[in-house]
Amino acid sequence: MGLMNSTDTVLDDKAVVAAAERALADVAAVRNEVAKVIFGQERVVENTMLALLSGGHALLVGVPGLAKTKLVTTLGTVLGLHSSRIQFTPDLMPSDILGSEVMDQDESGRRSFRFVKGPVFAQLLMADEINRASPRTQSALLQSMQEYHVTIAGQRYDLPAPFHVLATQNPLEQEGTYPLPEAQLDRFLLQVDVLYPELDAERQILLETTGRSEAKPREVIAAERLQEIQSLVRQMPVSDKVVDAILSLVRSARPGHGNATTDKNVAWGPGPRAGQSLMLTARARALYEGRLAPSLDDVYALAEPVLQHRMALTFAARAEGMSVRDVIGGLVKQARG
């Protein structure tokens, strides 16, 4: 199957393999550079990278102090992306994200409005503690995350390419927070749960980060190269078997589609965007691991980060102590047979 590069020219089979091998080498170099700064957390790094390689956004959920912010800034540097950071607070306004119009006056006394761009005009936007802002402010990101432009006073302003949002959220502290609406959660390609590090990784963190100097990441690839890899990911071949597995898994997570466990425990399930996310991230995972086509294992490995923020349990299921992860785990087990 021929792939297309950024200029949309069809590559022959040898060129396809060569392009894929170059991409594999670049991705491996990025992984190695990130590993110099972020110790352990391989799954977190992998899933966040998969979101970026797929051209999407990721929601990092974890308690404070687990290097979520450091991971985002490190990826921005390593991937050669222009980054900005917004600390979400209850008094944050939409204009603090998007920008605002200011009035200018020239030498002749003539007045006119000029748009001053906000921090959303970056290639990698870190939305720190995104659930601390009010719903009105959270909604300022909806258009940019889906349509890659913003509209101010009726005027359209395109965002830089590529454009990615990596948001963080603390799952424990709920006082003074506003849960993200389903429409916004669905715009995140993956929800990446950041857990406590393993013992060896935590030992390395203690030794490496409390000395006189810390390792600093360097740029490995440019933003343009990331876009080329994203284009390659989108055109990797996917077998009918993998497509059928994605459709079957996503549809089994919806109540009313013939799965008894889902009908009993799930209030609402994932929409078509979940299937699109699985298609993209399964391809990206194959490339990340040095393969040229995704497998069923890629689909099942990504089921939890793709589906968990796109479905909700019934009150009865929550009362029984069940979690969304339990339901997804059961569906994957059924799919594996």
Protein backbone atom coordinates (compact mmCIF):
# COMPACT_ATOMS: atom_id res chain seq x y z
CA MET A 1 0.00 0.00 0.00
CA GLY A 2 1.49 3.33 -1.00
CA LEU A 3 1.74 6.12 1.58
CA MET A 4 1.70 9.83 0.90
CA ASN A 5 4.14 12.35 2.25
CA SER A 6 3.43 15.94 3.24
CA THR A 7 3.27 16.97 -0.42
CA ASP A 8 0.65 14.27 -1.12
CA THR A 9 2.76 12.38 -3.63
CA VAL A 10 2.31 8.59 -3.64
CA LEU A 11 5.43 6.75 -2.53
CA ASP A 12 6.45 3.38 -3.95
CA ASP A 13 6.99 0.42 -1.63
CA LYS A 14 10.71 1.06 -1.16
CA ALA A 15 10.08 4.72 -0.39
CA VAL A 16 7.33 3.70 2.06
CA VAL A 17 9.70 1.43 3.96
CA ALA A 18 12.43 4.09 3.92
CA ALA A 19 10.02 6.76 5.22
CA ALA A 20 8.79 4.43 7.95
CA GLU A 21 12.35 3.51 8.97
CA ARG A 22 13.31 7.18 9.23
CA ALA A 23 10.21 7.78 11.35
CA LEU A 24 11.09 4.80 13.58
CA ALA A 25 14.59 6.19 14.09
CA ASP A 26 13.27 9.65 14.95
CA VAL A 27 10.66 8.29 17.38
CA ALA A 28 13.33 6.14 19.07
CA ALA A 29 15.58 9.22 19.43
CA VAL A 30 12.71 11.16 21.01
CA ARG A 31 12.03 8.30 23.46
CA ASN A 32 15.68 8.18 24.48
CA GLU A 33 15.87 11.93 25.05
CA VAL A 34 12.70 12.00 27.16
CA ALA A 35 14.03 9.08 29.24
CA LYS A 36 17.01 11.23 30.29
CA VAL A 37 14.63 13.58 32.12
CA ILE A 38 11.52 11.52 33.00
CA PHE A 39 12.39 8.40 34.99
CA GLY A 40 10.07 5.40 34.92
CA GLN A 41 6.49 6.19 33.84
CA GLU A 42 7.11 4.45 30.50
CA ARG A 43 3.40 3.88 29.92
CA VAL A 44 2.57 7.53 30.65
CA VAL A 45 5.31 8.76 28.31
CA GLU A 46 4.19 6.29 25.63
CA ASN A 47 0.51 7.24 25.76
CA THR A 48 1.26 10.98 25.78
CA MET A 49 3.60 10.52 22.82
CA LEU A 50 0.93 8.49 21.01
CA ALA A 51 -1.51 11.38 21.39
CA LEU A 52 1.01 13.76 19.82
CA LEU A 53 2.05 11.36 17.04
CA SER A 54 -1.65 10.96 16.23
CA GLY A 55 -2.12 14.73 16.06
CA GLY A 56 -4.42 14.87 19.08
CA HIS A 57 -4.75 16.12 22.66
CA ALA A 58 -4.27 14.29 25.97
CA LEU A 59 -5.62 14.69 29.50
CA LEU A 60 -3.07 13.74 32.18
CA VAL A 61 -4.79 12.73 35.42
CA GLY A 62 -2.74 12.26 38.58
CA VAL A 63 -1.97 13.61 42.04
CA PRO A 64 0.55 16.49 42.36
CA GLY A 65 4.27 15.83 42.15
CA LEU A 66 4.27 13.07 39.52
CA ALA A 67 6.12 15.12 36.86
CA LYS A 68 3.08 15.82 34.67
CA THR A 69 4.16 19.42 34.05
CA LYS A 70 7.77 18.35 33.54
CA LEU A 71 6.71 15.76 30.97
CA VAL A 72 4.79 18.35 28.95
CA THR A 73 7.64 20.88 28.95
CA THR A 74 10.13 18.13 28.09
CA LEU A 75 8.06 16.95 25.12
CA GLY A 76 7.73 20.53 23.90
CA THR A 77 11.50 20.92 23.88
CA VAL A 78 12.32 17.50 22.41
CA LEU A 79 9.75 17.82 19.61
CA GLY A 80 10.77 21.38 18.73
CA LEU A 81 7.34 22.84 19.50
CA HIS A 82 6.60 26.42 20.52
CA SER A 83 4.99 25.94 23.94
CA SER A 84 2.92 28.00 26.33
CA ARG A 85 1.34 27.28 29.70
CA ILE A 86 -1.89 28.42 31.30
CA GLN A 87 -2.52 27.94 35.01
CA PHE A 88 -6.27 27.44 35.25
CA THR A 89 -7.87 29.19 38.24
CA PRO A 90 -11.49 30.00 39.19
CA ASP A 91 -11.05 33.66 38.15
CA LEU A 92 -9.49 32.88 34.75
CA MET A 93 -11.39 34.50 31.87
CA PRO A 94 -11.77 33.32 28.25
CA SER A 95 -9.76 36.34 27.08
CA ASP A 96 -6.84 35.12 29.26
CA ILE A 97 -6.70 32.08 26.96
CA LEU A 98 -7.74 33.37 23.55
CA GLY A 99 -6.52 36.98 23.68
CA SER A 100 -8.41 40.25 23.47
CA GLU A 101 -8.92 43.32 21.33
CA VAL A 102 -7.22 46.54 22.44
CA MET A 103 -7.77 50.02 21.08
CA ASP A 104 -4.86 51.69 19.30
CA GLN A 105 -4.54 55.33 18.30
CA ASP A 106 -2.23 56.46 15.49
CA GLU A 107 -0.49 59.84 15.03
CA SER A 108 -3.55 61.37 13.37
CA GLY A 109 -5.75 60.46 16.33
CA ARG A 110 -7.51 57.70 14.44
CA ARG A 111 -8.59 54.81 16.65
CA SER A 112 -8.84 51.17 15.72
CA PHE A 113 -8.98 47.81 17.44
CA ARG A 114 -6.01 45.43 17.37
CA PHE A 115 -6.19 41.78 18.41
CA VAL A 116 -3.54 40.70 20.92
CA LYS A 117 -3.12 36.93 20.73
CA GLY A 118 -3.41 34.89 23.92
CA PRO A 119 -1.38 31.84 25.01
CA VAL A 120 -3.61 29.47 22.99
CA PHE A 121 -1.60 30.55 19.93
CA ALA A 122 1.11 27.95 20.51
CA GLN A 123 1.96 24.57 19.04
CA LEU A 124 1.86 22.86 22.44
CA LEU A 125 -0.48 24.34 25.05
CA MET A 126 -0.27 23.11 28.61
CA ALA A 127 -3.58 23.59 30.42
CA ASP A 128 -2.54 23.08 34.03
CA GLU A 129 -5.31 21.96 36.42
CA ILE A 130 -7.90 22.50 33.71
CA ASN A 131 -10.85 21.66 35.96
CA ARG A 132 -10.17 24.65 38.24
CA ALA A 133 -11.56 27.16 35.73
CA SER A 134 -15.27 27.92 35.38
CA PRO A 135 -17.31 26.23 32.61
CA ARG A 136 -17.38 29.51 30.68
CA THR A 137 -13.58 29.61 30.59
CA GLN A 138 -13.22 25.89 29.88
CA SER A 139 -15.48 26.35 26.86
CA ALA A 140 -12.95 28.78 25.37
CA LEU A 141 -10.86 25.74 24.44
CA LEU A 142 -13.66 23.81 22.71
CA GLN A 143 -13.39 25.47 19.30
CA SER A 144 -9.59 25.52 19.27
CA MET A 145 -9.28 21.82 20.18
CA GLN A 146 -11.69 20.69 17.46
CA GLU A 147 -11.41 23.23 14.65
CA TYR A 148 -7.84 24.56 15.17
CA HIS A 149 -8.93 28.18 14.97
CA VAL A 150 -10.68 30.68 17.24
CA THR A 151 -13.27 33.34 16.48
CA ILE A 152 -12.95 36.75 18.14
CA ALA A 153 -15.51 39.49 17.40
CA GLY A 154 -16.58 37.59 14.29
CA GLN A 155 -13.02 37.32 12.95
CA ARG A 156 -11.36 33.94 12.43
CA TYR A 157 -7.76 33.43 13.63
CA ASP A 158 -5.99 30.19 12.71
CA LEU A 159 -3.82 28.47 15.31
CA PRO A 160 -0.24 27.38 14.59
CA ALA A 161 0.28 23.90 13.16
CA PRO A 162 0.65 21.46 14.67
CA PHE A 163 -1.59 22.36 17.63
CA HIS A 164 -1.84 20.15 20.70
CA VAL A 165 -3.37 20.58 24.14
CA LEU A 166 -1.92 18.60 27.04
CA ALA A 167 -4.08 19.24 30.10
CA THR A 168 -3.49 18.13 33.69
CA GLN A 169 -6.05 17.33 36.34
CA ASN A 170 -5.85 16.25 40.01
CA PRO A 171 -8.34 13.39 40.56
CA LEU A 172 -8.46 13.73 44.35
CA GLU A 173 -9.04 17.36 45.26
CA GLN A 174 -12.54 18.31 44.16
CA GLU A 175 -13.14 21.45 46.24
CA GLY A 176 -13.21 24.54 44.03
CA THR A 177 -13.20 22.55 40.80
CA TYR A 178 -15.63 22.21 37.90
CA PRO A 179 -15.93 18.79 36.22
CA LEU A 180 -15.14 18.91 32.51
CA PRO A 181 -18.26 18.59 30.33
CA GLU A 182 -18.62 15.46 28.21
CA ALA A 183 -18.18 17.46 24.99
CA GLN A 184 -14.77 18.66 26.14
CA LEU A 185 -13.65 15.28 27.47
CA ASP A 186 -14.49 13.76 24.09
CA ARG A 187 -12.05 16.15 22.41
CA PHE A 188 -9.16 14.55 24.27
CA LEU A 189 -7.78 11.68 22.21
CA LEU A 190 -6.56 9.90 25.36
CA GLN A 191 -6.93 10.13 29.11
CA VAL A 192 -3.55 9.20 30.56
CA ASP A 193 -3.60 8.14 34.21
CA VAL A 194 -0.34 9.09 35.94
CA LEU A 195 0.34 6.71 38.83
CA TYR A 196 3.07 6.61 41.48
CA PRO A 197 6.49 5.52 40.14
CA GLU A 198 8.01 2.09 40.75
CA LEU A 199 10.66 1.74 43.48
CA ASP A 200 13.68 1.75 41.15
CA ALA A 201 12.37 4.75 39.23
CA GLU A 202 11.69 6.65 42.45
CA ARG A 203 15.22 5.87 43.66
CA GLN A 204 16.59 7.29 40.38
CA ILE A 205 14.40 10.39 40.80
CA LEU A 206 15.87 11.00 44.27
CA LEU A 207 19.45 10.63 43.04
CA GLU A 208 19.13 12.55 39.77
CA THR A 209 16.99 15.52 40.84
CA THR A 210 18.49 16.54 44.18
CA GLY A 211 22.09 17.15 43.09
CA ARG A 212 23.78 20.31 41.89
CA SER A 213 22.54 19.93 38.34
CA GLU A 214 19.69 18.22 36.52
CA ALA A 215 19.62 16.77 33.02
CA LYS A 216 18.16 19.18 30.48
CA PRO A 217 16.35 17.91 27.37
CA ARG A 218 17.45 18.99 23.90
CA GLU A 219 15.53 19.34 20.66
CA VAL A 220 15.60 16.10 18.67
CA ILE A 221 13.19 16.82 15.83
CA ALA A 222 11.53 19.97 14.49
CA ALA A 223 7.79 20.69 14.42
CA GLU A 224 7.75 20.16 10.64
CA ARG A 225 9.20 16.68 11.09
CA LEU A 226 6.53 15.85 13.68
CA GLN A 227 3.88 16.81 11.11
CA GLU A 228 5.48 14.49 8.54
CA ILE A 229 5.35 11.61 11.03
CA GLN A 230 1.72 12.45 11.85
CA SER A 231 0.92 12.25 8.14
CA LEU A 232 2.68 8.88 7.93
CA VAL A 233 0.70 7.56 10.93
CA ARG A 234 -2.61 8.51 9.30
CA GLN A 235 -1.79 6.48 6.19
CA MET A 236 -0.42 3.31 7.76
CA PRO A 237 -2.34 0.25 6.53
CA VAL A 238 -4.92 -1.21 8.92
CA SER A 239 -6.25 -4.74 8.37
CA ASP A 240 -9.98 -5.49 8.27
CA LYS A 241 -9.46 -7.66 11.37
CA VAL A 242 -8.22 -4.65 13.36
CA VAL A 243 -11.02 -2.39 12.04
CA ASP A 244 -13.63 -5.00 13.02
CA ALA A 245 -12.07 -5.31 16.49
CA ILE A 246 -12.24 -1.53 16.99
CA LEU A 247 -15.88 -1.36 15.88
CA SER A 248 -16.84 -4.34 18.03
CA LEU A 249 -15.11 -2.97 21.14
CA VAL A 250 -16.51 0.56 20.85
CA ARG A 251 -20.05 -0.62 20.12
CA SER A 252 -19.95 -3.15 22.98
CA ALA A 253 -19.32 -0.24 25.36
CA ARG A 254 -22.67 1.37 24.46
CA PRO A 255 -25.85 0.38 26.29
CA GLY A 256 -28.53 -1.07 24.05
CA HIS A 257 -26.08 -2.76 21.66
CA GLY A 258 -26.42 -6.32 22.87
CA ASN A 259 -23.86 -6.54 25.68
CA ALA A 260 -25.58 -7.54 28.92
CA THR A 261 -22.83 -6.22 31.23
CA THR A 262 -22.84 -2.85 29.49
CA ASP A 263 -26.63 -2.63 29.55
CA LYS A 264 -26.58 -3.22 33.29
CA ASN A 265 -23.72 -0.92 34.30
CA VAL A 266 -23.21 1.81 31.67
CA ALA A 267 -25.38 4.95 31.57
CA TRP A 268 -23.94 6.27 28.29
CA GLY A 269 -21.16 5.03 26.07
CA PRO A 270 -18.53 6.26 23.60
CA GLY A 271 -19.42 7.87 20.27
CA PRO A 272 -17.75 7.45 16.86
CA ARG A 273 -14.84 9.68 17.92
CA ALA A 274 -13.69 6.84 20.20
CA GLY A 275 -13.32 4.56 17.18
CA GLN A 276 -11.42 7.26 15.30
CA SER A 277 -9.11 7.67 18.30
CA LEU A 278 -8.46 3.92 18.48
CA MET A 279 -7.66 3.80 14.75
CA LEU A 280 -5.14 6.62 15.00
CA THR A 281 -3.47 5.65 18.27
CA ALA A 282 -3.22 1.96 17.30
CA ARG A 283 -1.27 3.00 14.21
CA ALA A 284 0.89 5.35 16.27
CA ARG A 285 1.58 2.61 18.84
CA ALA A 286 2.75 0.27 16.10
CA LEU A 287 5.16 2.92 14.84
CA TYR A 288 6.25 3.74 18.41
CA GLU A 289 7.16 0.08 18.93
CA GLY A 290 8.93 -0.32 15.59
CA ARG A 291 6.18 -1.98 13.53
CA LEU A 292 4.63 -0.93 10.22
CA ALA A 293 1.01 -1.97 10.89
CA PRO A 294 -1.17 -2.13 14.04
CA SER A 295 -2.32 -5.38 15.62
CA LEU A 296 -5.21 -6.45 17.85
CA ASP A 297 -2.91 -6.06 20.87
CA ASP A 298 -2.53 -2.36 20.05
CA VAL A 299 -6.31 -1.94 20.10
CA TYR A 300 -6.77 -3.75 23.41
CA ALA A 301 -3.81 -1.98 25.05
CA LEU A 302 -5.34 1.41 24.18
CA ALA A 303 -8.94 0.57 25.11
CA GLU A 304 -8.71 2.07 28.60
CA PRO A 305 -7.07 5.43 27.78
CA VAL A 306 -9.36 5.89 24.75
CA LEU A 307 -12.67 4.84 26.32
CA GLN A 308 -12.56 5.67 30.03
CA HIS A 309 -13.37 9.40 29.68
CA ARG A 310 -16.02 8.75 27.02
CA MET A 311 -18.45 6.68 29.10
CA ALA A 312 -20.20 6.83 32.47
CA LEU A 313 -21.58 4.23 34.86
CA THR A 314 -25.09 4.02 36.21
CA PHE A 315 -25.74 5.07 39.80
CA ALA A 316 -26.30 1.44 40.79
CA ALA A 317 -22.93 0.35 39.34
CA ARG A 318 -21.12 3.17 41.17
CA ALA A 319 -22.92 2.25 44.40
CA GLU A 320 -21.55 -1.28 44.06
CA GLY A 321 -18.01 0.13 43.87
CA MET A 322 -17.55 -0.60 40.19
CA SER A 323 -15.29 1.63 38.06
CA VAL A 324 -15.24 2.42 34.35
CA ARG A 325 -11.89 0.65 34.15
CA ASP A 326 -13.50 -2.55 35.48
CA VAL A 327 -16.13 -2.42 32.72
CA ILE A 328 -13.53 -1.74 29.99
CA GLY A 329 -11.33 -4.55 31.32
CA GLY A 330 -14.28 -6.93 31.11
CA LEU A 331 -15.09 -5.86 27.54
CA VAL A 332 -11.46 -6.37 26.48
CA LYS A 333 -11.44 -9.80 28.10
CA GLN A 334 -14.60 -10.74 26.18
CA ALA A 335 -13.10 -9.41 22.94
CA ARG A 336 -9.93 -11.46 23.43
CA GLY A 337 -12.14 -14.52 23.89
